[in-house]
PDB file of N, CA and C in Angstrom:
ATOM      1  N   MET A   1     -25.842 -35.431  25.544  1.00  0.00           N
ATOM      2  CA  MET A   1     -25.768 -34.957  24.031  1.00  0.00           C
ATOM      3  C   MET A   1     -24.458 -35.525  23.515  1.00  0.00           C
ATOM      4  N   ALA A   2     -24.481 -36.513  22.454  1.00  0.00           N
ATOM      5  CA  ALA A   2     -23.312 -36.960  22.033  1.00  0.00           C
ATOM      6  C   ALA A   2     -22.538 -35.592  21.442  1.00  0.00           C
ATOM      7  N   GLN A   3     -21.259 -35.787  21.394  1.00  0.00           N
ATOM      8  CA  GLN A   3     -20.548 -34.675  20.542  1.00  0.00           C
ATOM      9  C   GLN A   3     -19.911 -35.492  19.559  1.00  0.00           C
ATOM     10  N   LYS A   4     -19.689 -34.618  18.437  1.00  0.00           N
ATOM     11  CA  LYS A   4     -19.522 -34.931  16.969  1.00  0.00           C
ATOM     12  C   LYS A   4     -18.150 -35.269  16.824  1.00  0.00           C
ATOM     13  N   GLN A   5     -17.358 -35.997  15.899  1.00  0.00           N
ATOM     14  CA  GLN A   5     -15.889 -36.298  15.828  1.00  0.00           C
ATOM     15  C   GLN A   5     -15.640 -35.246  15.016  1.00  0.00           C
ATOM     16  N   LEU A   6     -14.350 -34.470  15.252  1.00  0.00           N
ATOM     17  CA  LEU A   6     -13.648 -33.733  14.251  1.00  0.00           C
ATOM     18  C   LEU A   6     -14.099 -33.951  13.081  1.00  0.00           C
ATOM     19  N   SER A   7     -13.932 -35.097  12.399  1.00  0.00           N
ATOM     20  CA  SER A   7     -13.948 -35.381  11.030  1.00  0.00           C
ATOM     21  C   SER A   7     -15.376 -35.562  10.428  1.00  0.00           C
ATOM     22  N   GLU A   8     -16.425 -35.534  11.511  1.00  0.00           N
ATOM     23  CA  GLU A   8     -17.762 -35.385  10.874  1.00  0.00           C
ATOM     24  C   GLU A   8     -18.338 -33.846  10.921  1.00  0.00           C
ATOM     25  N   MET A   9     -17.306 -32.754  11.526  1.00  0.00           N
ATOM     26  CA  MET A   9     -18.094 -31.350  11.553  1.00  0.00           C
ATOM     27  C   MET A   9     -17.797 -30.521  10.385  1.00  0.00           C
ATOM     28  N   SER A  10     -18.410 -29.598  10.113  1.00  0.00           N
ATOM     29  CA  SER A  10     -18.236 -28.538   8.888  1.00  0.00           C
ATOM     30  C   SER A  10     -16.960 -27.541   9.117  1.00  0.00           C
ATOM     31  N   GLU A  11     -16.677 -27.052   8.282  1.00  0.00           N
ATOM     32  CA  GLU A  11     -15.556 -26.225   8.672  1.00  0.00           C
ATOM     33  C   GLU A  11     -16.090 -24.865   9.287  1.00  0.00           C
ATOM     34  N   GLU A  12     -17.291 -24.664   9.305  1.00  0.00           N
ATOM     35  CA  GLU A  12     -17.859 -23.519  10.081  1.00  0.00           C
ATOM     36  C   GLU A  12     -18.012 -23.860  11.491  1.00  0.00           C
ATOM     37  N   GLU A  13     -18.553 -25.396  11.776  1.00  0.00           N
ATOM     38  CA  GLU A  13     -18.528 -25.800  13.052  1.00  0.00           C
ATOM     39  C   GLU A  13     -17.108 -25.741  13.742  1.00  0.00           C
ATOM     40  N   LEU A  14     -16.162 -26.130  12.957  1.00  0.00           N
ATOM     41  CA  LEU A  14     -14.791 -26.031  13.330  1.00  0.00           C
ATOM     42  C   LEU A  14     -14.406 -24.905  13.998  1.00  0.00           C
ATOM     43  N   LYS A  15     -14.547 -23.745  12.998  1.00  0.00           N
ATOM     44  CA  LYS A  15     -14.484 -22.490  13.279  1.00  0.00           C
ATOM     45  C   LYS A  15     -14.882 -21.615  14.715  1.00  0.00           C
ATOM     46  N   LYS A  16     -15.888 -22.284  14.729  1.00  0.00           N
ATOM     47  CA  LYS A  16     -16.730 -21.957  16.002  1.00  0.00           C
ATOM     48  C   LYS A  16     -16.324 -22.469  17.228  1.00  0.00           C
ATOM     49  N   ASN A  17     -15.825 -23.717  17.126  1.00  0.00           N
ATOM     50  CA  ASN A  17     -15.303 -24.432  17.954  1.00  0.00           C
ATOM     51  C   ASN A  17     -14.011 -24.002  18.417  1.00  0.00           C
ATOM     52  N   ILE A  18     -13.186 -23.725  17.681  1.00  0.00           N
ATOM     53  CA  ILE A  18     -12.074 -23.039  17.800  1.00  0.00           C
ATOM     54  C   ILE A  18     -12.075 -21.524  18.595  1.00  0.00           C
ATOM     55  N   LYS A  19     -13.090 -20.593  18.195  1.00  0.00           N
ATOM     56  CA  LYS A  19     -13.480 -19.455  19.090  1.00  0.00           C
ATOM     57  C   LYS A  19     -13.717 -19.897  20.474  1.00  0.00           C
ATOM     58  N   LEU A  20     -14.474 -20.925  20.401  1.00  0.00           N
ATOM     59  CA  LEU A  20     -15.221 -21.042  21.723  1.00  0.00           C
ATOM     60  C   LEU A  20     -14.059 -21.833  22.930  1.00  0.00           C
ATOM     61  N   VAL A  21     -13.273 -22.778  22.269  1.00  0.00           N
ATOM     62  CA  VAL A  21     -12.331 -23.313  22.880  1.00  0.00           C
ATOM     63  C   VAL A  21     -10.937 -22.411  23.110  1.00  0.00           C
ATOM     64  N   THR A  22     -10.826 -21.400  22.262  1.00  0.00           N
ATOM     65  CA  THR A  22      -9.840 -20.322  22.633  1.00  0.00           C
ATOM     66  C   THR A  22     -10.378 -19.590  23.862  1.00  0.00           C
ATOM     67  N   VAL A  23     -11.396 -19.093  23.996  1.00  0.00           N
ATOM     68  CA  VAL A  23     -12.067 -18.607  24.886  1.00  0.00           C
ATOM     69  C   VAL A  23     -11.698 -19.122  26.116  1.00  0.00           C
ATOM     70  N   ALA A  24     -12.340 -20.531  26.136  1.00  0.00           N
ATOM     71  CA  ALA A  24     -12.202 -21.112  27.453  1.00  0.00           C
ATOM     72  C   ALA A  24     -10.794 -21.452  28.136  1.00  0.00           C
ATOM     73  N   VAL A  25      -9.770 -21.473  27.075  1.00  0.00           N
ATOM     74  CA  VAL A  25      -8.481 -21.875  27.563  1.00  0.00           C
ATOM     75  C   VAL A  25      -8.071 -20.526  28.194  1.00  0.00           C
ATOM     76  N   ALA A  26      -8.604 -19.195  27.601  1.00  0.00           N
ATOM     77  CA  ALA A  26      -7.896 -18.156  28.172  1.00  0.00           C
ATOM     78  C   ALA A  26      -8.467 -17.786  29.436  1.00  0.00           C
ATOM     79  N   VAL A  27      -9.656 -18.067  29.670  1.00  0.00           N
ATOM     80  CA  VAL A  27     -10.419 -17.646  31.027  1.00  0.00           C
ATOM     81  C   VAL A  27      -9.990 -18.907  31.900  1.00  0.00           C
ATOM     82  N   ILE A  28      -9.744 -20.055  31.536  1.00  0.00           N
ATOM     83  CA  ILE A  28      -9.129 -21.189  32.586  1.00  0.00           C
ATOM     84  C   ILE A  28      -7.627 -20.677  32.805  1.00  0.00           C
ATOM     85  N   THR A  29      -6.553 -20.269  32.186  1.00  0.00           N
ATOM     86  CA  THR A  29      -5.625 -19.825  32.170  1.00  0.00           C
ATOM     87  C   THR A  29      -5.477 -18.695  33.199  1.00  0.00           C
ATOM     88  N   ALA A  30      -6.235 -17.552  32.757  1.00  0.00           N
ATOM     89  CA  ALA A  30      -6.520 -16.820  33.747  1.00  0.00           C
ATOM     90  C   ALA A  30      -6.951 -16.781  35.121  1.00  0.00           C
ATOM     91  N   SER A  31      -7.746 -17.598  35.415  1.00  0.00           N
ATOM     92  CA  SER A  31      -8.022 -18.404  36.579  1.00  0.00           C
ATOM     93  C   SER A  31      -7.374 -19.198  37.664  1.00  0.00           C
ATOM     94  N   ILE A  32      -6.328 -19.922  36.670  1.00  0.00           N
ATOM     95  CA  ILE A  32      -5.310 -20.689  37.501  1.00  0.00           C
ATOM     96  C   ILE A  32      -4.249 -19.605  37.763  1.00  0.00           C
ATOM     97  N   LEU A  33      -3.647 -18.671  36.892  1.00  0.00           N
ATOM     98  CA  LEU A  33      -2.675 -17.660  37.279  1.00  0.00           C
ATOM     99  C   LEU A  33      -3.363 -16.770  38.349  1.00  0.00           C
ATOM    100  N   ILE A  34      -4.321 -16.633  38.538  1.00  0.00           N
ATOM    101  CA  ILE A  34      -4.970 -15.740  39.597  1.00  0.00           C
ATOM    102  C   ILE A  34      -4.958 -16.619  40.924  1.00  0.00           C
ATOM    103  N   MET A  35      -5.167 -17.883  40.789  1.00  0.00           N
ATOM    104  CA  MET A  35      -5.314 -18.945  41.670  1.00  0.00           C
ATOM    105  C   MET A  35      -3.941 -19.266  42.510  1.00  0.00           C
ATOM    106  N   PHE A  36      -2.805 -19.481  41.464  1.00  0.00           N
ATOM    107  CA  PHE A  36      -1.439 -19.418  41.770  1.00  0.00           C
ATOM    108  C   PHE A  36      -0.899 -18.068  42.726  1.00  0.00           C
ATOM    109  N   ILE A  37      -1.448 -16.859  42.303  1.00  0.00           N
ATOM    110  CA  ILE A  37      -0.933 -15.609  43.116  1.00  0.00           C
ATOM    111  C   ILE A  37      -1.522 -15.818  44.212  1.00  0.00           C
ATOM    112  N   SER A  38      -2.702 -16.032  44.408  1.00  0.00           N
ATOM    113  CA  SER A  38      -3.550 -16.243  45.668  1.00  0.00           C
ATOM    114  C   SER A  38      -2.935 -17.185  46.467  1.00  0.00           C
ATOM    115  N   ALA A  39      -2.644 -18.336  45.868  1.00  0.00           N
ATOM    116  CA  ALA A  39      -1.898 -19.533  46.501  1.00  0.00           C
ATOM    117  C   ALA A  39      -0.450 -19.232  47.330  1.00  0.00           C
ATOM    118  N   VAL A  40      -0.069 -18.245  46.627  1.00  0.00           N
ATOM    119  CA  VAL A  40       1.406 -17.782  46.801  1.00  0.00           C
ATOM    120  C   VAL A  40       1.154 -17.081  48.285  1.00  0.00           C
ATOM    121  N   TYR A  41       0.366 -15.860  47.983  1.00  0.00           N
ATOM    122  CA  TYR A  41      -0.032 -14.845  49.193  1.00  0.00           C
ATOM    123  C   TYR A  41      -0.492 -15.977  50.184  1.00  0.00           C
ATOM    124  N   SER A  42      -1.436 -16.887  49.983  1.00  0.00           N
ATOM    125  CA  SER A  42      -2.096 -17.423  51.283  1.00  0.00           C
ATOM    126  C   SER A  42      -0.960 -18.314  51.768  1.00  0.00           C
ATOM    127  N   TYR A  43       0.153 -18.850  50.903  1.00  0.00           N
ATOM    128  CA  TYR A  43       1.304 -19.670  51.543  1.00  0.00           C
ATOM    129  C   TYR A  43       2.394 -18.727  52.679  1.00  0.00           C
ATOM    130  N   ALA A  44       2.226 -17.649  52.009  1.00  0.00           N
ATOM    131  CA  ALA A  44       3.323 -16.607  52.832  1.00  0.00           C
ATOM    132  C   ALA A  44       2.713 -16.195  53.970  1.00  0.00           C
ATOM    133  N   LYS A  45       1.409 -16.008  53.932  1.00  0.00           N
ATOM    134  CA  LYS A  45       0.611 -15.498  55.087  1.00  0.00           C
ATOM    135  C   LYS A  45       0.288 -16.688  56.021  1.00  0.00           C
ATOM    136  N   LYS A  46      -0.212 -17.840  55.667  1.00  0.00           N
ATOM    137  CA  LYS A  46      -0.832 -18.988  56.671  1.00  0.00           C
ATOM    138  C   LYS A  46      -0.001 -20.135  56.603  1.00  0.00           C
ATOM    139  N   GLY A  47       1.177 -20.242  55.631  1.00  0.00           N
ATOM    140  CA  GLY A  47       1.589 -21.593  55.475  1.00  0.00           C
ATOM    141  C   GLY A  47       0.914 -22.547  54.426  1.00  0.00           C
ATOM    142  N   PHE A  48       0.952 -23.707  54.367  1.00  0.00           N
ATOM    143  CA  PHE A  48       0.680 -24.733  53.616  1.00  0.00           C
ATOM    144  C   PHE A  48      -1.359 -24.707  54.151  1.00  0.00           C
ATOM    145  N   THR A  49      -1.764 -24.345  52.984  1.00  0.00           N
ATOM    146  CA  THR A  49      -3.430 -24.705  53.019  1.00  0.00           C
ATOM    147  C   THR A  49      -4.049 -25.354  51.848  1.00  0.00           C
ATOM    148  N   ALA A  50      -5.133 -25.707  51.753  1.00  0.00           N
ATOM    149  CA  ALA A  50      -5.921 -26.487  50.559  1.00  0.00           C
ATOM    150  C   ALA A  50      -5.530 -25.487  49.416  1.00  0.00           C
ATOM    151  N   THR A  51      -5.551 -24.242  49.618  1.00  0.00           N
ATOM    152  CA  THR A  51      -5.772 -23.492  48.112  1.00  0.00           C
ATOM    153  C   THR A  51      -4.331 -23.477  47.640  1.00  0.00           C
ATOM    154  N   VAL A  52      -3.033 -23.875  48.367  1.00  0.00           N
ATOM    155  CA  VAL A  52      -1.835 -24.051  47.557  1.00  0.00           C
ATOM    156  C   VAL A  52      -2.055 -24.880  46.676  1.00  0.00           C
ATOM    157  N   VAL A  53      -2.758 -26.105  46.615  1.00  0.00           N
ATOM    158  CA  VAL A  53      -2.879 -27.117  45.666  1.00  0.00           C
ATOM    159  C   VAL A  53      -3.977 -26.933  44.655  1.00  0.00           C
ATOM    160  N   LEU A  54      -4.891 -25.964  44.945  1.00  0.00           N
ATOM    161  CA  LEU A  54      -5.916 -25.777  43.928  1.00  0.00           C
ATOM    162  C   LEU A  54      -5.075 -25.401  42.323  1.00  0.00           C
ATOM    163  N   PRO A  55      -4.407 -24.456  42.157  1.00  0.00           N
ATOM    164  CA  PRO A  55      -3.586 -24.326  40.805  1.00  0.00           C
ATOM    165  C   PRO A  55      -3.403 -25.638  39.967  1.00  0.00           C
ATOM    166  N   PHE A  56      -2.480 -26.319  40.702  1.00  0.00           N
ATOM    167  CA  PHE A  56      -1.868 -27.551  40.348  1.00  0.00           C
ATOM    168  C   PHE A  56      -3.252 -28.667  40.138  1.00  0.00           C
ATOM    169  N   ALA A  57      -4.292 -28.519  40.740  1.00  0.00           N
ATOM    170  CA  ALA A  57      -5.482 -29.377  40.433  1.00  0.00           C
ATOM    171  C   ALA A  57      -6.248 -29.226  38.984  1.00  0.00           C
ATOM    172  N   PHE A  58      -6.256 -27.817  38.758  1.00  0.00           N
ATOM    173  CA  PHE A  58      -6.905 -27.329  37.650  1.00  0.00           C
ATOM    174  C   PHE A  58      -5.924 -27.345  36.279  1.00  0.00           C
ATOM    175  N   MET A  59      -4.765 -27.330  36.272  1.00  0.00           N
ATOM    176  CA  MET A  59      -3.888 -27.373  35.277  1.00  0.00           C
ATOM    177  C   MET A  59      -4.302 -28.692  34.067  1.00  0.00           C
ATOM    178  N   PRO A  60      -4.428 -29.698  34.407  1.00  0.00           N
ATOM    179  CA  PRO A  60      -5.023 -30.775  33.556  1.00  0.00           C
ATOM    180  C   PRO A  60      -5.843 -30.361  32.747  1.00  0.00           C
ATOM    181  N   ILE A  61      -6.977 -29.440  33.363  1.00  0.00           N
ATOM    182  CA  ILE A  61      -8.264 -29.143  32.632  1.00  0.00           C
ATOM    183  C   ILE A  61      -7.474 -28.117  31.343  1.00  0.00           C
ATOM    184  N   ALA A  62      -6.985 -27.080  31.758  1.00  0.00           N
ATOM    185  CA  ALA A  62      -6.266 -26.079  30.920  1.00  0.00           C
ATOM    186  C   ALA A  62      -5.460 -27.098  29.634  1.00  0.00           C
ATOM    187  N   ILE A  63      -4.689 -27.936  29.895  1.00  0.00           N
ATOM    188  CA  ILE A  63      -3.964 -28.615  29.291  1.00  0.00           C
ATOM    189  C   ILE A  63      -4.777 -29.672  28.328  1.00  0.00           C
ATOM    190  N   MET A  64      -5.877 -30.024  28.911  1.00  0.00           N
ATOM    191  CA  MET A  64      -6.631 -30.850  27.728  1.00  0.00           C
ATOM    192  C   MET A  64      -7.382 -29.928  26.773  1.00  0.00           C
ATOM    193  N   ASN A  65      -7.817 -28.822  27.120  1.00  0.00           N
ATOM    194  CA  ASN A  65      -8.468 -27.749  26.335  1.00  0.00           C
ATOM    195  C   ASN A  65      -7.804 -27.354  25.325  1.00  0.00           C
ATOM    196  N   PHE A  66      -6.327 -27.368  25.859  1.00  0.00           N
ATOM    197  CA  PHE A  66      -5.084 -26.449  24.869  1.00  0.00           C
ATOM    198  C   PHE A  66      -4.809 -27.779  23.937  1.00  0.00           C
ATOM    199  N   MET A  67      -4.876 -28.860  24.229  1.00  0.00           N
ATOM    200  CA  MET A  67      -4.694 -30.050  23.213  1.00  0.00           C
ATOM    201  C   MET A  67      -5.893 -30.083  22.003  1.00  0.00           C
ATOM    202  N   ASN A  68      -6.899 -29.943  22.560  1.00  0.00           N
ATOM    203  CA  ASN A  68      -8.160 -30.075  21.884  1.00  0.00           C
ATOM    204  C   ASN A  68      -8.404 -29.018  20.897  1.00  0.00           C
ATOM    205  N   LEU A  69      -7.639 -27.769  21.393  1.00  0.00           N
ATOM    206  CA  LEU A  69      -7.439 -26.509  20.360  1.00  0.00           C
ATOM    207  C   LEU A  69      -6.674 -27.074  19.311  1.00  0.00           C
ATOM    208  N   LYS A  70      -5.562 -27.531  19.467  1.00  0.00           N
ATOM    209  CA  LYS A  70      -4.687 -27.992  18.826  1.00  0.00           C
ATOM    210  C   LYS A  70      -5.010 -29.221  17.690  1.00  0.00           C
ATOM    211  N   LYS A  71      -5.902 -29.797  18.388  1.00  0.00           N
ATOM    212  CA  LYS A  71      -6.536 -30.657  17.207  1.00  0.00           C
ATOM    213  C   LYS A  71      -7.483 -30.378  16.295  1.00  0.00           C
ATOM    214  N   ILE A  72      -8.085 -29.321  16.971  1.00  0.00           N
ATOM    215  CA  ILE A  72      -9.375 -28.899  15.876  1.00  0.00           C
ATOM    216  C   ILE A  72      -8.509 -27.969  14.889  1.00  0.00           C
ATOM    217  N   LYS A  73      -7.223 -27.171  15.196  1.00  0.00           N
ATOM    218  CA  LYS A  73      -6.800 -26.333  14.192  1.00  0.00           C
ATOM    219  C   LYS A  73      -6.158 -27.386  13.137  1.00  0.00           C
ATOM    220  N   ALA A  74      -5.617 -28.554  13.892  1.00  0.00           N
ATOM    221  CA  ALA A  74      -4.934 -29.283  12.773  1.00  0.00           C
ATOM    222  C   ALA A  74      -5.960 -29.907  11.888  1.00  0.00           C
ATOM    223  N   GLU A  75      -7.003 -30.420  12.411  1.00  0.00           N
ATOM    224  CA  GLU A  75      -8.224 -30.831  11.548  1.00  0.00           C
ATOM    225  C   GLU A  75      -8.790 -29.967  10.431  1.00  0.00           C
ATOM    226  N   LEU A  76      -8.768 -28.536  10.735  1.00  0.00           N
ATOM    227  CA  LEU A  76      -9.186 -27.374   9.905  1.00  0.00           C
ATOM    228  C   LEU A  76      -7.827 -27.139   8.974  1.00  0.00           C
ATOM    229  N   ASP A  77      -6.805 -27.315   9.242  1.00  0.00           N
ATOM    230  CA  ASP A  77      -5.649 -27.133   8.295  1.00  0.00           C
ATOM    231  C   ASP A  77      -5.474 -28.251   7.325  1.00  0.00           C
ATOM    232  N   SER A  78      -5.985 -29.438   7.838  1.00  0.00           N
ATOM    233  CA  SER A  78      -5.940 -30.428   6.974  1.00  0.00           C
ATOM    234  C   SER A  78      -7.002 -30.476   5.776  1.00  0.00           C
ATOM    235  N   ARG A  79      -8.064 -29.931   6.272  1.00  0.00           N
ATOM    236  CA  ARG A  79      -8.950 -29.747   4.918  1.00  0.00           C
ATOM    237  C   ARG A  79      -8.696 -28.364   3.987  1.00  0.00           C
ATOM    238  N   ASN A  80      -8.001 -27.840   4.586  1.00  0.00           N
ATOM    239  CA  ASN A  80      -7.674 -26.417   3.653  1.00  0.00           C
ATOM    240  C   ASN A  80      -6.558 -26.562   2.967  1.00  0.00           C
ATOM    241  N   LYS A  81      -5.693 -27.774   2.906  1.00  0.00           N
ATOM    242  CA  LYS A  81      -4.831 -28.197   2.076  1.00  0.00           C
ATOM    243  C   LYS A  81      -5.014 -28.946   0.791  1.00  0.00           C
TER     244      LYS A  81
END
């Protein structure tokens, strides 16, 4: 399924996407935080394992979603002016 460009979306679609991406960012950030706490605990008990790397591997996903959220908000703001 092809994704529409932000400029082609209606304001209603943009608002819906803001809600969706906000929830996604919150869930991903919470997951990364839990993984980070788990990694610190794992590192303290067992030393370096693959779980130590996981939070850092998932950070780009959170960053990309956060950047998309900012783009959607900017597009919606530009239409309201």
